[in-house]
Amino acid sequence: MKSPLGHGVFYLILGVFFVYFAVNSVNENGWGFFAYLFVAFATYDIGAGLRLIGLHFKIKKHMKDKK
């Protein structure tokens, strides 16, 4: 998993898990410390995943234009 695409997909999956944990935490305990923590982690992971997937397609396009 050396490509940005693999890492991006991994981060997106991690972000989905943190969204699930955040929703579950809010439903059980309300907006506590851990709910905010899960939301922060999910935001970071989804953002990083989208950036890495975008980077993959930019690199792919750049390599195609070079040929």
PDB file of N, CA and C in Angstrom:
ATOM      1  N   MET A   1       0.858  -1.184   0.000  1.00  0.00           N
ATOM      2  CA  MET A   1       0.000   0.000   0.000  1.00  0.00           C
ATOM      3  C   MET A   1       0.898   1.239   0.000  1.00  0.00           C
ATOM      4  N   LYS A   2       1.698   1.380  -1.046  1.00  0.00           N
ATOM      5  CA  LYS A   2       2.618   2.504  -1.124  1.00  0.00           C
ATOM      6  C   LYS A   2       2.036   3.673  -1.899  1.00  0.00           C
ATOM      7  N   SER A   3       0.978   3.445  -2.627  1.00  0.00           N
ATOM      8  CA  SER A   3       0.418   4.519  -3.445  1.00  0.00           C
ATOM      9  C   SER A   3      -0.475   5.426  -2.597  1.00  0.00           C
ATOM     10  N   PRO A   4      -0.638   6.664  -3.021  1.00  0.00           N
ATOM     11  CA  PRO A   4      -1.548   7.564  -2.310  1.00  0.00           C
ATOM     12  C   PRO A   4      -2.994   7.058  -2.337  1.00  0.00           C
ATOM     13  N   LEU A   5      -3.360   6.314  -3.387  1.00  0.00           N
ATOM     14  CA  LEU A   5      -4.724   5.790  -3.475  1.00  0.00           C
ATOM     15  C   LEU A   5      -5.009   4.803  -2.348  1.00  0.00           C
ATOM     16  N   GLY A   6      -4.080   3.899  -2.091  1.00  0.00           N
ATOM     17  CA  GLY A   6      -4.255   2.923  -1.014  1.00  0.00           C
ATOM     18  C   GLY A   6      -4.344   3.582   0.348  1.00  0.00           C
ATOM     19  N   HIS A   7      -3.482   4.539   0.587  1.00  0.00           N
ATOM     20  CA  HIS A   7      -3.508   5.256   1.863  1.00  0.00           C
ATOM     21  C   HIS A   7      -4.791   6.087   1.985  1.00  0.00           C
ATOM     22  N   GLY A   8      -5.220   6.680   0.874  1.00  0.00           N
ATOM     23  CA  GLY A   8      -6.441   7.479   0.902  1.00  0.00           C
ATOM     24  C   GLY A   8      -7.663   6.650   1.238  1.00  0.00           C
ATOM     25  N   VAL A   9      -7.753   5.471   0.633  1.00  0.00           N
ATOM     26  CA  VAL A   9      -8.886   4.576   0.928  1.00  0.00           C
ATOM     27  C   VAL A   9      -8.837   4.132   2.387  1.00  0.00           C
ATOM     28  N   PHE A  10      -7.638   3.843   2.888  1.00  0.00           N
ATOM     29  CA  PHE A  10      -7.490   3.454   4.284  1.00  0.00           C
ATOM     30  C   PHE A  10      -7.981   4.564   5.220  1.00  0.00           C
ATOM     31  N   TYR A  11      -7.584   5.803   4.930  1.00  0.00           N
ATOM     32  CA  TYR A  11      -8.014   6.930   5.755  1.00  0.00           C
ATOM     33  C   TYR A  11      -9.529   7.134   5.673  1.00  0.00           C
ATOM     34  N   LEU A  12     -10.107   6.941   4.497  1.00  0.00           N
ATOM     35  CA  LEU A  12     -11.563   7.074   4.385  1.00  0.00           C
ATOM     36  C   LEU A  12     -12.286   6.018   5.208  1.00  0.00           C
ATOM     37  N   ILE A  13     -11.794   4.793   5.172  1.00  0.00           N
ATOM     38  CA  ILE A  13     -12.408   3.727   5.975  1.00  0.00           C
ATOM     39  C   ILE A  13     -12.283   4.052   7.455  1.00  0.00           C
ATOM     40  N   LEU A  14     -11.110   4.532   7.866  1.00  0.00           N
ATOM     41  CA  LEU A  14     -10.910   4.925   9.259  1.00  0.00           C
ATOM     42  C   LEU A  14     -11.862   6.056   9.645  1.00  0.00           C
ATOM     43  N   GLY A  15     -12.047   7.017   8.734  1.00  0.00           N
ATOM     44  CA  GLY A  15     -12.972   8.120   8.989  1.00  0.00           C
ATOM     45  C   GLY A  15     -14.400   7.646   9.158  1.00  0.00           C
ATOM     46  N   VAL A  16     -14.808   6.673   8.368  1.00  0.00           N
ATOM     47  CA  VAL A  16     -16.165   6.126   8.492  1.00  0.00           C
ATOM     48  C   VAL A  16     -16.348   5.455   9.848  1.00  0.00           C
ATOM     49  N   PHE A  17     -15.327   4.722  10.297  1.00  0.00           N
ATOM     50  CA  PHE A  17     -15.408   4.109  11.626  1.00  0.00           C
ATOM     51  C   PHE A  17     -15.542   5.163  12.723  1.00  0.00           C
ATOM     52  N   PHE A  18     -14.787   6.252  12.614  1.00  0.00           N
ATOM     53  CA  PHE A  18     -14.877   7.298  13.628  1.00  0.00           C
ATOM     54  C   PHE A  18     -16.228   8.013  13.575  1.00  0.00           C
ATOM     55  N   VAL A  19     -16.802   8.161  12.399  1.00  0.00           N
ATOM     56  CA  VAL A  19     -18.159   8.727  12.306  1.00  0.00           C
ATOM     57  C   VAL A  19     -19.146   7.815  13.022  1.00  0.00           C
ATOM     58  N   TYR A  20     -19.014   6.525  12.792  1.00  0.00           N
ATOM     59  CA  TYR A  20     -19.894   5.564  13.473  1.00  0.00           C
ATOM     60  C   TYR A  20     -19.739   5.669  14.987  1.00  0.00           C
ATOM     61  N   PHE A  21     -18.492   5.701  15.463  1.00  0.00           N
ATOM     62  CA  PHE A  21     -18.262   5.813  16.909  1.00  0.00           C
ATOM     63  C   PHE A  21     -18.805   7.125  17.461  1.00  0.00           C
ATOM     64  N   ALA A  22     -18.689   8.201  16.704  1.00  0.00           N
ATOM     65  CA  ALA A  22     -19.210   9.493  17.162  1.00  0.00           C
ATOM     66  C   ALA A  22     -20.720   9.464  17.271  1.00  0.00           C
ATOM     67  N   VAL A  23     -21.382   8.928  16.258  1.00  0.00           N
ATOM     68  CA  VAL A  23     -22.852   8.854  16.288  1.00  0.00           C
ATOM     69  C   VAL A  23     -23.306   7.963  17.432  1.00  0.00           C
ATOM     70  N   ASN A  24     -22.633   6.845  17.616  1.00  0.00           N
ATOM     71  CA  ASN A  24     -22.984   5.938  18.700  1.00  0.00           C
ATOM     72  C   ASN A  24     -22.761   6.602  20.062  1.00  0.00           C
ATOM     73  N   SER A  25     -21.675   7.329  20.196  1.00  0.00           N
ATOM     74  CA  SER A  25     -21.374   8.005  21.456  1.00  0.00           C
ATOM     75  C   SER A  25     -22.405   9.096  21.768  1.00  0.00           C
ATOM     76  N   VAL A  26     -22.806   9.851  20.749  1.00  0.00           N
ATOM     77  CA  VAL A  26     -23.794  10.912  20.966  1.00  0.00           C
ATOM     78  C   VAL A  26     -25.140  10.308  21.332  1.00  0.00           C
ATOM     79  N   ASN A  27     -25.504   9.208  20.698  1.00  0.00           N
ATOM     80  CA  ASN A  27     -26.789   8.568  21.017  1.00  0.00           C
ATOM     81  C   ASN A  27     -26.817   8.022  22.429  1.00  0.00           C
ATOM     82  N   GLU A  28     -25.694   7.538  22.923  1.00  0.00           N
ATOM     83  CA  GLU A  28     -25.673   6.955  24.263  1.00  0.00           C
ATOM     84  C   GLU A  28     -25.450   7.988  25.361  1.00  0.00           C
ATOM     85  N   ASN A  29     -24.530   8.930  25.147  1.00  0.00           N
ATOM     86  CA  ASN A  29     -24.114   9.824  26.227  1.00  0.00           C
ATOM     87  C   ASN A  29     -24.315  11.305  25.942  1.00  0.00           C
ATOM     88  N   GLY A  30     -24.753  11.653  24.766  1.00  0.00           N
ATOM     89  CA  GLY A  30     -24.855  13.063  24.417  1.00  0.00           C
ATOM     90  C   GLY A  30     -23.500  13.579  23.952  1.00  0.00           C
ATOM     91  N   TRP A  31     -23.426  14.885  23.783  1.00  0.00           N
ATOM     92  CA  TRP A  31     -22.197  15.497  23.269  1.00  0.00           C
ATOM     93  C   TRP A  31     -21.181  15.660  24.383  1.00  0.00           C
ATOM     94  N   GLY A  32     -20.424  14.620  24.633  1.00  0.00           N
ATOM     95  CA  GLY A  32     -19.365  14.655  25.631  1.00  0.00           C
ATOM     96  C   GLY A  32     -18.009  14.814  24.975  1.00  0.00           C
ATOM     97  N   PHE A  33     -16.985  14.660  25.788  1.00  0.00           N
ATOM     98  CA  PHE A  33     -15.609  14.815  25.317  1.00  0.00           C
ATOM     99  C   PHE A  33     -15.278  13.842  24.193  1.00  0.00           C
ATOM    100  N   PHE A  34     -15.636  12.566  24.375  1.00  0.00           N
ATOM    101  CA  PHE A  34     -15.289  11.562  23.381  1.00  0.00           C
ATOM    102  C   PHE A  34     -16.035  11.759  22.074  1.00  0.00           C
ATOM    103  N   ALA A  35     -17.251  12.269  22.126  1.00  0.00           N
ATOM    104  CA  ALA A  35     -17.981  12.540  20.890  1.00  0.00           C
ATOM    105  C   ALA A  35     -17.245  13.598  20.066  1.00  0.00           C
ATOM    106  N   TYR A  36     -16.801  14.655  20.707  1.00  0.00           N
ATOM    107  CA  TYR A  36     -16.037  15.684  20.000  1.00  0.00           C
ATOM    108  C   TYR A  36     -14.707  15.132  19.491  1.00  0.00           C
ATOM    109  N   LEU A  37     -14.077  14.282  20.278  1.00  0.00           N
ATOM    110  CA  LEU A  37     -12.819  13.675  19.869  1.00  0.00           C
ATOM    111  C   LEU A  37     -13.013  12.794  18.634  1.00  0.00           C
ATOM    112  N   PHE A  38     -14.071  11.981  18.632  1.00  0.00           N
ATOM    113  CA  PHE A  38     -14.358  11.133  17.477  1.00  0.00           C
ATOM    114  C   PHE A  38     -14.671  11.963  16.238  1.00  0.00           C
ATOM    115  N   VAL A  39     -15.397  13.047  16.404  1.00  0.00           N
ATOM    116  CA  VAL A  39     -15.716  13.920  15.270  1.00  0.00           C
ATOM    117  C   VAL A  39     -14.440  14.561  14.724  1.00  0.00           C
ATOM    118  N   ALA A  40     -13.544  14.960  15.605  1.00  0.00           N
ATOM    119  CA  ALA A  40     -12.280  15.561  15.157  1.00  0.00           C
ATOM    120  C   ALA A  40     -11.439  14.543  14.394  1.00  0.00           C
ATOM    121  N   PHE A  41     -11.350  13.321  14.906  1.00  0.00           N
ATOM    122  CA  PHE A  41     -10.598  12.283  14.204  1.00  0.00           C
ATOM    123  C   PHE A  41     -11.228  11.958  12.859  1.00  0.00           C
ATOM    124  N   ALA A  42     -12.559  11.867  12.828  1.00  0.00           N
ATOM    125  CA  ALA A  42     -13.243  11.559  11.570  1.00  0.00           C
ATOM    126  C   ALA A  42     -13.017  12.659  10.544  1.00  0.00           C
ATOM    127  N   THR A  43     -13.073  13.907  10.979  1.00  0.00           N
ATOM    128  CA  THR A  43     -12.845  15.026  10.066  1.00  0.00           C
ATOM    129  C   THR A  43     -11.436  14.978   9.497  1.00  0.00           C
ATOM    130  N   TYR A  44     -10.458  14.738  10.342  1.00  0.00           N
ATOM    131  CA  TYR A  44      -9.072  14.662   9.879  1.00  0.00           C
ATOM    132  C   TYR A  44      -8.889  13.506   8.897  1.00  0.00           C
ATOM    133  N   ASP A  45      -9.395  12.330   9.251  1.00  0.00           N
ATOM    134  CA  ASP A  45      -9.183  11.153   8.417  1.00  0.00           C
ATOM    135  C   ASP A  45      -9.888  11.267   7.074  1.00  0.00           C
ATOM    136  N   ILE A  46     -11.108  11.755   7.053  1.00  0.00           N
ATOM    137  CA  ILE A  46     -11.824  11.905   5.784  1.00  0.00           C
ATOM    138  C   ILE A  46     -11.149  12.962   4.924  1.00  0.00           C
ATOM    139  N   GLY A  47     -10.732  14.055   5.519  1.00  0.00           N
ATOM    140  CA  GLY A  47     -10.029  15.097   4.768  1.00  0.00           C
ATOM    141  C   GLY A  47      -8.713  14.596   4.198  1.00  0.00           C
ATOM    142  N   ALA A  48      -7.946  13.877   5.007  1.00  0.00           N
ATOM    143  CA  ALA A  48      -6.674  13.333   4.530  1.00  0.00           C
ATOM    144  C   ALA A  48      -6.903  12.301   3.433  1.00  0.00           C
ATOM    145  N   GLY A  49      -7.931  11.487   3.590  1.00  0.00           N
ATOM    146  CA  GLY A  49      -8.234  10.490   2.572  1.00  0.00           C
ATOM    147  C   GLY A  49      -8.600  11.120   1.245  1.00  0.00           C
ATOM    148  N   LEU A  50      -9.424  12.145   1.282  1.00  0.00           N
ATOM    149  CA  LEU A  50      -9.812  12.823   0.043  1.00  0.00           C
ATOM    150  C   LEU A  50      -8.626  13.516  -0.610  1.00  0.00           C
ATOM    151  N   ARG A  51      -7.772  14.143   0.196  1.00  0.00           N
ATOM    152  CA  ARG A  51      -6.571  14.790  -0.355  1.00  0.00           C
ATOM    153  C   ARG A  51      -5.641  13.775  -1.006  1.00  0.00           C
ATOM    154  N   LEU A  52      -5.453  12.623  -0.370  1.00  0.00           N
ATOM    155  CA  LEU A  52      -4.562  11.612  -0.933  1.00  0.00           C
ATOM    156  C   LEU A  52      -5.131  11.007  -2.215  1.00  0.00           C
ATOM    157  N   ILE A  53      -6.427  10.792  -2.261  1.00  0.00           N
ATOM    158  CA  ILE A  53      -7.035  10.276  -3.487  1.00  0.00           C
ATOM    159  C   ILE A  53      -6.920  11.312  -4.599  1.00  0.00           C
ATOM    160  N   GLY A  54      -7.128  12.577  -4.267  1.00  0.00           N
ATOM    161  CA  GLY A  54      -6.934  13.644  -5.253  1.00  0.00           C
ATOM    162  C   GLY A  54      -5.499  13.706  -5.741  1.00  0.00           C
ATOM    163  N   LEU A  55      -4.547  13.516  -4.837  1.00  0.00           N
ATOM    164  CA  LEU A  55      -3.134  13.501  -5.204  1.00  0.00           C
ATOM    165  C   LEU A  55      -2.833  12.352  -6.157  1.00  0.00           C
ATOM    166  N   HIS A  56      -3.429  11.205  -5.911  1.00  0.00           N
ATOM    167  CA  HIS A  56      -3.239  10.057  -6.793  1.00  0.00           C
ATOM    168  C   HIS A  56      -3.664  10.391  -8.221  1.00  0.00           C
ATOM    169  N   PHE A  57      -4.831  11.013  -8.365  1.00  0.00           N
ATOM    170  CA  PHE A  57      -5.315  11.328  -9.700  1.00  0.00           C
ATOM    171  C   PHE A  57      -4.511  12.451 -10.359  1.00  0.00           C
ATOM    172  N   LYS A  58      -3.993  13.390  -9.559  1.00  0.00           N
ATOM    173  CA  LYS A  58      -3.113  14.430 -10.124  1.00  0.00           C
ATOM    174  C   LYS A  58      -1.811  13.817 -10.637  1.00  0.00           C
ATOM    175  N   ILE A  59      -1.234  12.907  -9.864  1.00  0.00           N
ATOM    176  CA  ILE A  59      -0.007  12.243 -10.300  1.00  0.00           C
ATOM    177  C   ILE A  59      -0.270  11.428 -11.553  1.00  0.00           C
ATOM    178  N   LYS A  60      -1.383  10.718 -11.565  1.00  0.00           N
ATOM    179  CA  LYS A  60      -1.736   9.896 -12.726  1.00  0.00           C
ATOM    180  C   LYS A  60      -1.906  10.762 -13.972  1.00  0.00           C
ATOM    181  N   LYS A  61      -2.573  11.909 -13.838  1.00  0.00           N
ATOM    182  CA  LYS A  61      -2.774  12.804 -14.966  1.00  0.00           C
ATOM    183  C   LYS A  61      -1.443  13.396 -15.431  1.00  0.00           C
ATOM    184  N   HIS A  62      -0.603  13.767 -14.473  1.00  0.00           N
ATOM    185  CA  HIS A  62       0.701  14.346 -14.807  1.00  0.00           C
ATOM    186  C   HIS A  62       1.569  13.328 -15.565  1.00  0.00           C
ATOM    187  N   MET A  63       1.540  12.082 -15.124  1.00  0.00           N
ATOM    188  CA  MET A  63       2.315  11.045 -15.800  1.00  0.00           C
ATOM    189  C   MET A  63       1.770  10.784 -17.202  1.00  0.00           C
ATOM    190  N   LYS A  64       0.451  10.874 -17.362  1.00  0.00           N
ATOM    191  CA  LYS A  64      -0.161  10.657 -18.680  1.00  0.00           C
ATOM    192  C   LYS A  64       0.189  11.812 -19.625  1.00  0.00           C
ATOM    193  N   ASP A  65       0.196  13.043 -19.116  1.00  0.00           N
ATOM    194  CA  ASP A  65       0.523  14.211 -19.929  1.00  0.00           C
ATOM    195  C   ASP A  65       1.988  14.229 -20.336  1.00  0.00           C
ATOM    196  N   LYS A  66       2.848  13.623 -19.527  1.00  0.00           N
ATOM    197  CA  LYS A  66       4.278  13.591 -19.817  1.00  0.00           C
ATOM    198  C   LYS A  66       4.599  12.692 -21.014  1.00  0.00           C
ATOM    199  N   LYS A  67       3.789  11.693 -21.249  1.00  0.00           N
ATOM    200  CA  LYS A  67       4.062  10.736 -22.337  1.00  0.00           C
ATOM    201  C   LYS A  67       3.791  11.307 -23.691  1.00  0.00           C
TER     202      LYS A  67
END
